[in-house]
Amino acid sequence: MVSKVISAAPIGYEAEIIEVEGDSSKGLPSLQIVGMGNKAIDEAKERVRSAIKNSMLDFPAKKIIINLAPAEIPKDGTFFDLPIAISILTLSNQLKQHELKSRAFVGELSLNGDLRPIKGIINIVEKLRGYGIKEIFLPIENLETSSIIDGVKLIGARNLKEIFLHLKNEKIIKNEENINTFKDNNDGIILDDIISQEQAKRALTIAIAGRHNILLTGPPGTGKTMLAQAALNLLPPLSKSELLEVLKIHGLVDEISSNISRPFRTPHHTASKVSIIGGGSKALPGEISLAHNGVLFLDEMPEFPKSILESLRQPLEDRKITITRTNRKSSYPANFMLIATMNPCPCGFYGDTTKECTCSSTQILNYQRKLSGPLMDRIDMVVNVDRIHNKNLLSKNNNQNSEHANAKKQIEMSLELQHKRYDCSNLYNSMVKTNDVKNRFNISKEAEDLLNLATSKLDLSARAFLKILKVSRTIADLNSSKDIKVNHISEALQYRHKNEN
C-alpha cells in the first residue's frame, strides 16, 4: 500500500511543494526516509515514532519507506515530521487516503506528540494555497502569523492526536477566526525632537517621499543619527502586499512579532558580510533583505569593511540579492531605502567651526575614498548636517505647527500623486525604470536646459543624471507641481554635487 500526503518547505524566499509518499511491506520493522534529506530529516524517524506511540496511536510493525518527492530538491529542517506521521497512520489504515484530499500538513513533532512552530510558515501557506489546497494543518503557534493569507482554511493544532481526531470527525478542532493583530509601532523619535537642522529635515522628507537613498555627513553630535531614526515614523504604513513580503523574509529567520512596522535595520560596522548581505550554509537572508520595504541604516558608513560596502552596489541597483551555494541558488528581495551617516574625516572635525581637525590631508582623503565612486553614484542625496550653536540648544520652537505632522502630510500627498502616476501603490519615483522616465516625467524646457548644463559642467554620469531627475520629480510632487521646474532641478543639484567632488 502507498500513501501520499501533501506538504511544503521554504527553499530560499519561495517554497516548494513536497509530496510525502509512504510504502509499507513485510519484513524487519524499520523506518527509512529517502529524498535528499539532511540530518534533521533523518532524525525525524525517532521523533515521529515516539510521537505516534505517545499519542496512543499504533506504530505499524512493518518495513516502511518514506520518500520526500521530488527527490532532486535538497531538503532540511523539521517541516515534514507531521506529514510523515500522517503518512504512517494512513499506511496502517488508522487514517484513510480520501480523508487527506485537498489537505496539507506541516509542522515539527516533539516526542510526546505536541506540535512545535516552524520557520517560513507564510511562504509555505502561500505556496500550498496556490497549489489548490483547501485546508492546511499547522502548529497552533503559527496560526496567527499565517492568517494574513486569505483563500485557504488554516487549522492550528496543539498535537498529533488533535489532528487525528479531527480527520476522523470525532472531535473537530475549533480555532478562533483567522484575524491577525499586526499593527504599526509609532513610538520613537520624530522631527520635533530635533533642534534646528531645517535643511536636513527637508532633505529627509524628500528622501522618504520618493524612497531615495540619502547620506548625512557632518561632525559628531550634530543629530545625524536622530534624523535617521526620525525617518521610521515618517514612513507610510505597510500595505498588505508589502507586509506579506516582509513577513515572508523575516519568518525565515524567525523574526516575526505582532507589533511590526516598516523594517528599520541597523547593523553594526563589525557585523560579518554574511549577516549583512546574506548567505551561510543555508543561504539565509541578511540585513539588506530584512530591510526590504523599509530602511537600512548604516551609521558611520566608512567604518564598514570595503568588501561589504562594495557588495551593496548590486542590491542598490537591482533591489534584490542572489546567493549561490553548491547545491542551491536563492534570490531574496532587497528593496530598501538606504540612510547612511559619516563623519567628514577620521577624527570627525574636518570643517568644524568649534573644534580643530587633527587629521592630515592624506588621512582625510583616504577616509572619504572608503566610499567608492560607483557606490556614491547610487546614493541619490548627500546632505551636510552642520553643528548647532550652543545658544540655540535651549531656544524655544516658535513654530506652532508640528514639523513631524507637516512632513508626514507632505509625504502622504506626494505618495498619492506617485500612486496615481504609476497606477501602483508600491512604486516610488526612485524606482522608475530608465525607459519610463521620458513617458512619466513632465519637465519644462528651462529645467531641462539647466539639467543638461549641470551634467556637462559637473561631468555627471548617466546614473547621476537620472537620479537628479528622479529627486526633482519628488520635489515637484511635494510642491504639487505637475511639471519639473527650474527650482526643483536646482534643489536636487544641491543634494548631488558632493558626490562628484
Protein backbone atom coordinates (compact mmCIF):
# COMPACT_ATOMS: atom_id res chain seq x y z
CA MET A 1 0.00 0.00 0.00
CA VAL A 2 1.19 3.52 -0.84
CA SER A 3 0.10 6.73 0.88
CA LYS A 4 0.58 10.32 -0.25
CA VAL A 5 0.49 13.42 1.94
CA ILE A 6 0.95 16.97 0.64
CA SER A 7 3.35 19.32 2.42
CA ALA A 8 5.76 22.12 1.55
CA ALA A 9 9.03 23.65 2.68
CA PRO A 10 10.72 27.02 2.13
CA ILE A 11 13.51 26.85 -0.44
CA GLY A 12 15.02 30.32 -0.29
CA TYR A 13 12.40 33.08 -0.47
CA GLU A 14 9.78 30.86 -2.06
CA ALA A 15 8.52 27.42 -1.02
CA GLU A 16 8.29 24.12 -2.87
CA ILE A 17 5.50 21.55 -2.78
CA ILE A 18 6.76 18.31 -1.28
CA GLU A 19 4.83 15.06 -1.60
CA VAL A 20 5.45 12.74 1.34
CA GLU A 21 4.99 9.26 -0.11
CA GLY A 22 4.85 6.20 2.10
CA ASP A 23 5.09 2.48 1.38
CA SER A 24 4.89 -0.45 3.78
CA SER A 25 5.81 -4.08 3.24
CA LYS A 26 6.56 -7.24 5.14
CA GLY A 27 10.00 -7.52 6.63
CA LEU A 28 12.03 -6.50 9.62
CA PRO A 29 10.26 -3.49 11.23
CA SER A 30 12.10 -0.33 10.21
CA LEU A 31 11.57 3.24 9.04
CA GLN A 32 13.67 4.69 6.24
CA ILE A 33 13.42 8.23 4.83
CA VAL A 34 14.76 8.96 1.34
CA GLY A 35 14.65 12.04 -0.91
CA MET A 36 17.80 14.11 -0.27
CA GLY A 37 17.05 14.96 3.35
CA ASN A 38 19.63 16.26 5.82
CA LYS A 39 20.37 15.06 9.35
CA ALA A 40 17.33 16.81 10.86
CA ILE A 41 15.07 14.90 8.48
CA ASP A 42 16.85 11.62 9.19
CA GLU A 43 16.31 12.22 12.91
CA ALA A 44 12.58 12.63 12.23
CA LYS A 45 12.35 8.83 12.31
CA GLU A 46 12.74 8.75 16.09
CA ARG A 47 10.62 11.86 16.71
CA VAL A 48 7.75 10.51 14.63
CA ARG A 49 7.93 7.03 16.15
CA SER A 50 7.77 8.39 19.70
CA ALA A 51 5.10 10.97 18.82
CA ILE A 52 2.78 8.33 17.36
CA LYS A 53 3.20 5.96 20.31
CA ASN A 54 2.83 8.69 22.94
CA SER A 55 -0.34 9.91 21.19
CA MET A 56 -1.86 6.49 21.96
CA LEU A 57 -1.82 5.54 18.28
CA ASP A 58 -0.35 2.42 16.69
CA PHE A 59 3.04 2.42 15.01
CA PRO A 60 2.97 -0.42 12.44
CA ALA A 61 5.47 -3.25 12.88
CA LYS A 62 6.39 -3.24 9.19
CA LYS A 63 9.16 -2.15 6.88
CA ILE A 64 8.26 1.44 6.00
CA ILE A 65 9.88 3.67 3.40
CA ILE A 66 9.08 7.40 3.25
CA ASN A 67 10.02 9.33 0.08
CA LEU A 68 10.13 13.12 0.01
CA ALA A 69 9.40 13.98 -3.62
CA PRO A 70 10.75 15.49 -5.76
CA ALA A 71 13.96 13.78 -4.68
CA GLU A 72 16.15 16.20 -6.67
CA ILE A 73 15.48 19.08 -4.25
CA PRO A 74 17.75 19.14 -1.16
CA LYS A 75 15.60 19.29 1.98
CA ASP A 76 16.35 20.29 5.53
CA GLY A 77 14.52 21.25 8.68
CA THR A 78 11.71 19.69 10.68
CA PHE A 79 8.79 20.70 8.44
CA PHE A 80 7.97 17.10 7.49
CA ASP A 81 7.52 15.50 10.94
CA LEU A 82 3.74 15.91 10.85
CA PRO A 83 3.18 14.79 7.22
CA ILE A 84 5.45 11.77 7.80
CA ALA A 85 3.35 10.81 10.84
CA ILE A 86 0.12 11.25 8.86
CA SER A 87 1.56 9.10 6.07
CA ILE A 88 2.42 6.30 8.51
CA LEU A 89 -1.04 6.45 10.09
CA THR A 90 -2.52 6.14 6.59
CA LEU A 91 -0.30 3.16 5.74
CA SER A 92 -1.58 1.38 8.86
CA ASN A 93 -5.24 2.12 7.94
CA GLN A 94 -5.76 4.28 11.02
CA LEU A 95 -6.49 7.07 8.53
CA LYS A 96 -7.91 6.76 5.01
CA GLN A 97 -6.35 8.34 1.93
CA HIS A 98 -9.62 10.04 0.97
CA GLU A 99 -9.61 11.83 4.34
CA LEU A 100 -6.48 13.68 3.20
CA LYS A 101 -7.94 15.05 -0.05
CA SER A 102 -7.23 18.79 -0.61
CA ARG A 103 -5.48 18.88 2.75
CA ALA A 104 -1.85 19.62 3.59
CA PHE A 105 0.20 19.13 6.73
CA VAL A 106 3.30 20.84 8.09
CA GLY A 107 4.95 21.03 11.49
CA GLU A 108 7.57 19.66 13.85
CA LEU A 109 6.65 16.97 16.37
CA SER A 110 8.01 16.60 19.88
CA LEU A 111 8.45 13.16 21.42
CA ASN A 112 5.12 13.39 23.27
CA GLY A 113 3.23 14.30 20.09
CA ASP A 114 2.99 18.05 20.63
CA LEU A 115 3.42 20.31 17.60
CA ARG A 116 6.20 22.88 17.60
CA PRO A 117 6.21 26.06 15.44
CA ILE A 118 8.34 26.20 12.31
CA LYS A 119 10.09 28.94 10.35
CA GLY A 120 8.90 30.11 6.94
CA ILE A 121 5.24 29.31 7.60
CA ILE A 122 3.90 32.17 5.45
CA ASN A 123 5.99 31.07 2.47
CA ILE A 124 4.63 27.55 2.94
CA VAL A 125 0.97 28.55 3.30
CA GLU A 126 1.12 30.86 0.28
CA LYS A 127 2.59 28.08 -1.87
CA LEU A 128 0.04 25.49 -0.71
CA ARG A 129 -2.83 27.88 -1.43
CA GLY A 130 -1.54 28.35 -4.97
CA TYR A 131 -1.36 24.57 -5.32
CA GLY A 132 -5.10 24.32 -4.70
CA ILE A 133 -5.04 23.08 -1.11
CA LYS A 134 -8.24 23.89 0.81
CA GLU A 135 -7.16 23.08 4.38
CA ILE A 136 -3.74 23.32 5.99
CA PHE A 137 -2.95 21.72 9.35
CA LEU A 138 -0.17 23.52 11.19
CA PRO A 139 1.11 24.23 14.73
CA ILE A 140 -1.19 26.49 16.74
CA GLU A 141 1.72 28.90 17.36
CA ASN A 142 1.98 29.53 13.60
CA LEU A 143 -1.73 30.23 13.14
CA GLU A 144 -1.82 33.96 13.92
CA THR A 145 1.14 34.78 11.67
CA SER A 146 -0.14 32.82 8.69
CA SER A 147 -3.70 34.16 8.98
CA ILE A 148 -2.67 37.16 6.87
CA ILE A 149 -3.12 34.90 3.83
CA ASP A 150 -6.68 34.65 2.55
CA GLY A 151 -8.29 31.95 0.44
CA VAL A 152 -7.34 28.87 2.45
CA LYS A 153 -8.60 27.38 5.71
CA LEU A 154 -5.94 27.14 8.40
CA ILE A 155 -6.33 24.67 11.25
CA GLY A 156 -3.99 25.21 14.16
CA ALA A 157 -3.42 22.14 16.31
CA ARG A 158 -1.59 21.58 19.57
CA ASN A 159 -0.69 17.96 18.99
CA LEU A 160 -0.89 14.99 16.65
CA LYS A 161 -3.83 13.42 18.47
CA GLU A 162 -5.98 16.53 17.89
CA ILE A 163 -5.39 16.29 14.14
CA PHE A 164 -6.11 12.55 14.13
CA LEU A 165 -9.46 13.01 15.91
CA HIS A 166 -10.35 15.92 13.61
CA LEU A 167 -9.69 13.84 10.48
CA LYS A 168 -11.85 11.04 11.91
CA ASN A 169 -14.62 13.59 12.65
CA GLU A 170 -14.55 12.53 16.30
CA LYS A 171 -13.51 15.90 17.73
CA ILE A 172 -13.36 18.91 15.42
CA ILE A 173 -10.65 21.49 16.07
CA LYS A 174 -12.22 24.91 16.58
CA ASN A 175 -9.86 27.85 16.19
CA GLU A 176 -10.79 31.47 16.61
CA GLU A 177 -11.49 33.33 13.38
CA ASN A 178 -8.26 33.98 11.47
CA ILE A 179 -7.63 37.58 12.50
CA ASN A 180 -4.06 38.77 12.72
CA THR A 181 -3.07 41.53 15.13
CA PHE A 182 -0.23 43.15 13.20
CA LYS A 183 -0.02 46.87 13.85
CA ASP A 184 2.32 49.75 13.20
CA ASN A 185 4.54 50.92 16.01
CA ASN A 186 4.64 54.73 16.04
CA ASP A 187 6.85 55.18 19.08
CA GLY A 188 10.29 56.75 18.81
CA ILE A 189 11.96 59.95 17.65
CA ILE A 190 10.09 62.48 15.49
CA LEU A 191 11.32 65.61 13.70
CA ASP A 192 10.07 67.84 16.52
CA ASP A 193 12.63 66.22 18.84
CA ILE A 194 15.49 67.53 16.68
CA ILE A 195 16.61 71.11 17.24
CA SER A 196 17.14 73.25 14.12
CA GLN A 197 18.61 71.35 11.09
CA GLU A 198 15.83 72.58 8.78
CA GLN A 199 17.78 71.77 5.62
CA ALA A 200 18.49 68.22 6.76
CA LYS A 201 14.83 67.74 7.75
CA ARG A 202 13.75 68.99 4.33
CA ALA A 203 16.16 66.59 2.63
CA LEU A 204 14.93 63.69 4.76
CA THR A 205 11.33 64.48 3.83
CA ILE A 206 12.24 64.44 0.13
CA ALA A 207 14.17 61.19 0.51
CA ILE A 208 11.29 59.40 2.24
CA ALA A 209 8.65 60.75 -0.15
CA GLY A 210 10.45 59.32 -3.19
CA ARG A 211 12.30 56.48 -1.40
CA HIS A 212 15.69 57.96 -2.30
CA ASN A 213 18.98 56.81 -0.75
CA ILE A 214 20.50 59.53 1.41
CA LEU A 215 23.86 60.16 3.09
CA LEU A 216 24.07 62.52 6.08
CA THR A 217 27.56 63.87 6.68
CA GLY A 218 28.87 66.11 9.44
CA PRO A 219 30.84 66.24 12.69
CA PRO A 220 29.86 64.18 15.77
CA GLY A 221 26.90 65.35 17.84
CA THR A 222 25.03 67.22 15.11
CA GLY A 223 21.96 64.95 15.09
CA LYS A 224 22.71 62.70 12.11
CA THR A 225 21.63 59.54 13.92
CA MET A 226 18.50 61.18 15.34
CA LEU A 227 17.50 62.32 11.86
CA ALA A 228 17.86 58.77 10.57
CA GLN A 229 15.80 57.40 13.46
CA ALA A 230 13.09 60.00 12.84
CA ALA A 231 12.67 58.55 9.35
CA LEU A 232 10.92 55.47 10.73
CA ASN A 233 7.92 57.49 11.91
CA LEU A 234 7.68 59.34 8.60
CA LEU A 235 7.43 56.19 6.51
CA PRO A 236 3.93 55.28 5.32
CA PRO A 237 2.28 52.16 6.78
CA LEU A 238 2.97 48.86 5.06
CA SER A 239 0.38 47.82 2.51
CA LYS A 240 -0.90 44.25 2.83
CA SER A 241 1.26 43.05 -0.06
CA GLU A 242 4.32 44.76 1.45
CA LEU A 243 3.57 43.28 4.87
CA LEU A 244 3.31 39.83 3.32
CA GLU A 245 6.72 40.24 1.68
CA VAL A 246 8.27 41.43 4.95
CA LEU A 247 6.78 38.55 6.93
CA LYS A 248 7.95 36.00 4.35
CA ILE A 249 11.54 37.17 4.73
CA HIS A 250 11.54 37.68 8.50
CA GLY A 251 9.80 34.35 9.04
CA LEU A 252 12.76 32.53 7.51
CA VAL A 253 14.98 33.73 10.36
CA ASP A 254 12.23 33.66 12.99
CA GLU A 255 11.99 37.42 13.49
CA ILE A 256 8.22 37.93 13.43
CA SER A 257 6.35 39.89 16.09
CA SER A 258 2.77 41.13 16.20
CA ASN A 259 3.98 44.72 16.61
CA ILE A 260 5.51 45.19 13.18
CA SER A 261 6.16 48.40 11.29
CA ARG A 262 8.37 49.03 8.31
CA PRO A 263 11.74 47.35 8.89
CA PHE A 264 14.47 49.61 10.24
CA ARG A 265 17.68 47.59 10.29
CA THR A 266 20.79 48.97 11.98
CA PRO A 267 23.70 46.54 11.56
CA HIS A 268 26.90 47.40 13.40
CA HIS A 269 30.04 48.04 11.37
CA THR A 270 31.66 44.96 12.96
CA ALA A 271 28.93 42.67 11.56
CA SER A 272 30.05 39.97 9.14
CA LYS A 273 29.45 40.10 5.42
CA VAL A 274 27.17 37.06 5.63
CA SER A 275 24.97 38.69 8.28
CA ILE A 276 24.56 41.86 6.19
CA ILE A 277 24.45 40.53 2.61
CA GLY A 278 23.10 37.06 3.37
CA GLY A 279 24.41 33.56 2.86
CA GLY A 280 25.76 30.86 5.13
CA SER A 281 25.30 27.13 4.65
CA LYS A 282 21.51 27.55 4.32
CA ALA A 283 21.71 30.69 2.14
CA LEU A 284 19.58 32.71 4.56
CA PRO A 285 18.65 36.38 4.03
CA GLY A 286 20.88 39.08 5.50
CA GLU A 287 20.22 42.58 6.78
CA ILE A 288 19.71 44.02 3.28
CA SER A 289 16.80 41.61 2.72
CA LEU A 290 15.47 42.00 6.26
CA ALA A 291 15.32 45.74 5.45
CA HIS A 292 13.13 45.05 2.38
CA ASN A 293 10.26 47.59 2.15
CA GLY A 294 11.94 49.58 4.91
CA VAL A 295 15.20 51.28 5.84
CA LEU A 296 18.76 50.03 6.04
CA PHE A 297 20.61 52.42 8.35
CA LEU A 298 24.41 52.33 8.18
CA ASP A 299 25.76 54.55 10.94
CA GLU A 300 29.33 55.71 10.23
CA MET A 301 29.29 54.08 6.81
CA PRO A 302 33.06 54.35 6.09
CA GLU A 303 33.75 52.18 9.16
CA PHE A 304 32.19 49.17 7.41
CA PRO A 305 34.65 46.87 5.59
CA LYS A 306 35.11 47.85 1.96
CA SER A 307 34.08 44.36 0.81
CA ILE A 308 30.66 44.83 2.44
CA LEU A 309 30.18 48.33 1.04
CA GLU A 310 31.06 47.20 -2.48
CA SER A 311 28.67 44.25 -2.13
CA LEU A 312 25.85 46.78 -1.68
CA ARG A 313 26.26 48.13 -5.20
CA GLN A 314 24.29 45.43 -6.99
CA PRO A 315 21.38 45.21 -4.49
CA LEU A 316 21.05 49.01 -4.57
CA GLU A 317 20.67 48.80 -8.34
CA ASP A 318 18.64 45.59 -8.75
CA ARG A 319 16.72 45.75 -5.44
CA LYS A 320 17.35 42.04 -4.90
CA ILE A 321 20.22 39.75 -3.96
CA THR A 322 21.07 36.31 -5.33
CA ILE A 323 23.04 33.95 -3.10
CA THR A 324 24.65 30.97 -4.77
CA ARG A 325 25.74 27.85 -2.93
CA THR A 326 26.95 24.45 -4.13
CA ASN A 327 23.52 22.84 -4.13
CA ARG A 328 21.18 25.82 -4.30
CA LYS A 329 20.66 29.34 -5.59
CA SER A 330 18.43 31.62 -3.54
CA SER A 331 17.15 35.07 -4.51
CA TYR A 332 15.74 37.45 -1.93
CA PRO A 333 14.15 40.87 -2.44
CA ALA A 334 16.23 43.77 -1.11
CA ASN A 335 14.17 46.83 -1.97
CA PHE A 336 15.33 49.03 0.88
CA MET A 337 15.90 52.74 1.34
CA LEU A 338 19.49 53.39 2.40
CA ILE A 339 20.10 56.00 5.08
CA ALA A 340 23.78 56.38 5.94
CA THR A 341 25.83 58.73 8.06
CA MET A 342 29.51 59.60 8.07
CA ASN A 343 31.98 61.99 9.63
CA PRO A 344 34.00 64.14 7.22
CA CYS A 345 37.28 62.64 8.49
CA PRO A 346 38.63 60.04 10.97
CA CYS A 347 38.59 62.46 13.93
CA GLY A 348 35.24 63.86 12.78
CA PHE A 349 36.02 67.57 12.92
CA TYR A 350 37.21 68.46 9.42
CA GLY A 351 35.47 71.72 8.52
CA ASP A 352 34.00 72.11 12.01
CA THR A 353 33.84 75.68 13.32
CA THR A 354 34.30 74.82 17.01
CA LYS A 355 36.98 72.16 17.11
CA GLU A 356 40.19 71.78 15.15
CA CYS A 357 40.70 68.74 12.93
CA THR A 358 43.75 66.63 13.84
CA CYS A 359 43.83 64.60 10.62
CA SER A 360 46.34 65.00 7.83
CA SER A 361 45.14 65.70 4.30
CA THR A 362 46.13 62.14 3.34
CA GLN A 363 44.06 60.68 6.18
CA ILE A 364 41.06 62.77 5.18
CA LEU A 365 41.35 61.75 1.54
CA ASN A 366 41.77 58.05 2.34
CA TYR A 367 38.81 58.16 4.73
CA GLN A 368 36.49 59.72 2.17
CA ARG A 369 37.71 57.31 -0.51
CA LYS A 370 36.35 54.40 1.51
CA LEU A 371 33.09 55.17 -0.27
CA SER A 372 33.95 54.42 -3.88
CA GLY A 373 32.70 56.40 -6.85
CA PRO A 374 30.34 53.65 -8.10
CA LEU A 375 28.83 53.33 -4.62
CA MET A 376 28.38 57.09 -4.21
CA ASP A 377 26.81 57.16 -7.66
CA ARG A 378 23.99 55.03 -6.24
CA ILE A 379 23.28 57.46 -3.41
CA ASP A 380 20.67 59.99 -4.53
CA MET A 381 21.20 62.69 -1.93
CA VAL A 382 24.14 63.91 0.18
CA VAL A 383 23.38 66.40 2.95
CA ASN A 384 25.69 68.32 5.29
CA VAL A 385 24.46 68.34 8.88
CA ASP A 386 26.27 71.27 10.49
CA ARG A 387 26.84 71.89 14.17
CA ILE A 388 24.20 73.87 16.07
CA HIS A 389 25.36 76.87 18.10
CA ASN A 390 25.02 76.27 21.84
CA LYS A 391 22.79 79.32 22.25
CA ASN A 392 20.20 77.63 20.02
CA LEU A 393 20.06 74.39 22.00
CA LEU A 394 17.64 75.75 24.62
CA SER A 395 15.75 78.11 22.33
CA LYS A 396 12.03 77.55 22.02
CA ASN A 397 10.47 76.43 18.79
CA ASN A 398 8.25 79.30 17.69
CA ASN A 399 6.60 77.16 15.06
CA GLN A 400 3.12 76.34 16.34
CA ASN A 401 2.69 73.50 13.86
CA SER A 402 4.31 70.12 14.33
CA GLU A 403 7.22 69.60 11.93
CA HIS A 404 6.55 65.88 12.04
CA ALA A 405 2.86 66.30 11.18
CA ASN A 406 3.63 68.73 8.35
CA ALA A 407 6.29 66.47 6.86
CA LYS A 408 4.04 63.42 7.15
CA LYS A 409 1.21 65.28 5.42
CA GLN A 410 3.52 66.33 2.59
CA ILE A 411 4.80 62.78 2.18
CA GLU A 412 1.28 61.35 2.08
CA MET A 413 0.27 63.89 -0.57
CA SER A 414 3.37 63.07 -2.62
CA LEU A 415 2.68 59.34 -2.36
CA GLU A 416 -0.87 59.83 -3.63
CA LEU A 417 0.49 61.60 -6.71
CA GLN A 418 3.03 58.82 -7.29
CA HIS A 419 0.43 56.07 -6.88
CA LYS A 420 -1.82 57.83 -9.38
CA ARG A 421 1.05 58.40 -11.82
CA TYR A 422 2.27 54.80 -11.77
CA ASP A 423 -1.07 53.12 -11.02
CA CYS A 424 0.71 51.16 -8.31
CA SER A 425 0.86 51.63 -4.53
CA ASN A 426 4.33 50.10 -4.17
CA LEU A 427 6.20 52.06 -6.85
CA TYR A 428 8.09 55.24 -5.99
CA ASN A 429 9.91 57.87 -8.05
CA SER A 430 13.31 56.36 -7.27
CA MET A 431 12.21 53.01 -8.73
CA VAL A 432 11.08 54.23 -12.15
CA LYS A 433 12.95 52.46 -14.92
CA THR A 434 15.10 54.43 -17.33
CA ASN A 435 12.82 53.72 -20.29
CA ASP A 436 9.79 55.07 -18.41
CA VAL A 437 11.33 58.36 -17.27
CA LYS A 438 10.57 60.22 -20.52
CA ASN A 439 6.98 59.00 -20.57
CA ARG A 440 6.27 59.51 -16.87
CA PHE A 441 8.11 62.75 -16.07
CA ASN A 442 6.97 66.11 -17.43
CA ILE A 443 9.81 68.64 -17.41
CA SER A 444 9.81 72.26 -18.53
CA LYS A 445 12.20 73.40 -21.27
CA GLU A 446 14.07 75.69 -18.84
CA ALA A 447 14.50 72.90 -16.29
CA GLU A 448 15.76 70.52 -18.96
CA ASP A 449 18.30 73.10 -20.15
CA LEU A 450 19.55 73.59 -16.58
CA LEU A 451 19.92 69.85 -16.05
CA ASN A 452 21.83 69.44 -19.30
CA LEU A 453 24.12 72.34 -18.36
CA ALA A 454 24.80 70.85 -14.92
CA THR A 455 25.50 67.45 -16.45
CA SER A 456 28.08 69.00 -18.76
CA LYS A 457 29.71 71.25 -16.15
CA LEU A 458 29.88 68.60 -13.41
CA ASP A 459 30.64 65.75 -15.81
CA LEU A 460 27.81 63.67 -14.34
CA SER A 461 27.31 60.02 -15.21
CA ALA A 462 24.11 58.80 -16.83
CA ARG A 463 23.10 57.28 -13.49
CA ALA A 464 23.67 60.59 -11.68
CA PHE A 465 21.65 62.41 -14.37
CA LEU A 466 18.69 60.10 -13.81
CA LYS A 467 18.92 60.31 -10.04
CA ILE A 468 18.83 64.12 -10.15
CA LEU A 469 15.78 63.90 -12.38
CA LYS A 470 14.04 61.46 -10.01
CA VAL A 471 14.79 63.58 -6.94
CA SER A 472 13.48 66.62 -8.86
CA ARG A 473 10.29 64.72 -9.61
CA THR A 474 9.81 64.06 -5.90
CA ILE A 475 10.43 67.72 -5.04
CA ALA A 476 7.85 68.70 -7.66
CA ASP A 477 5.37 66.25 -6.11
CA LEU A 478 5.92 67.77 -2.67
CA ASN A 479 5.12 71.15 -4.27
CA SER A 480 2.05 69.69 -6.04
CA SER A 481 3.59 70.61 -9.38
CA LYS A 482 2.71 68.62 -12.48
CA ASP A 483 5.93 69.64 -14.24
CA ILE A 484 9.53 69.54 -13.06
CA LYS A 485 10.66 73.18 -12.97
CA VAL A 486 13.95 75.04 -12.64
CA ASN A 487 13.68 75.43 -8.86
CA HIS A 488 13.13 71.68 -8.48
CA ILE A 489 16.25 70.88 -10.51
CA SER A 490 18.23 73.49 -8.58
CA GLU A 491 17.31 71.98 -5.22
CA ALA A 492 18.06 68.45 -6.41
CA LEU A 493 21.51 69.59 -7.59
CA GLN A 494 22.25 70.88 -4.08
CA TYR A 495 21.91 67.34 -2.80
CA ARG A 496 24.07 65.90 -5.54
CA HIS A 497 27.20 67.95 -6.11
CA LYS A 498 29.05 66.46 -3.13
CA ASN A 499 29.08 63.10 -4.86
CA GLU A 500 31.06 64.43 -7.78
CA ASN A 501 33.69 66.37 -5.77
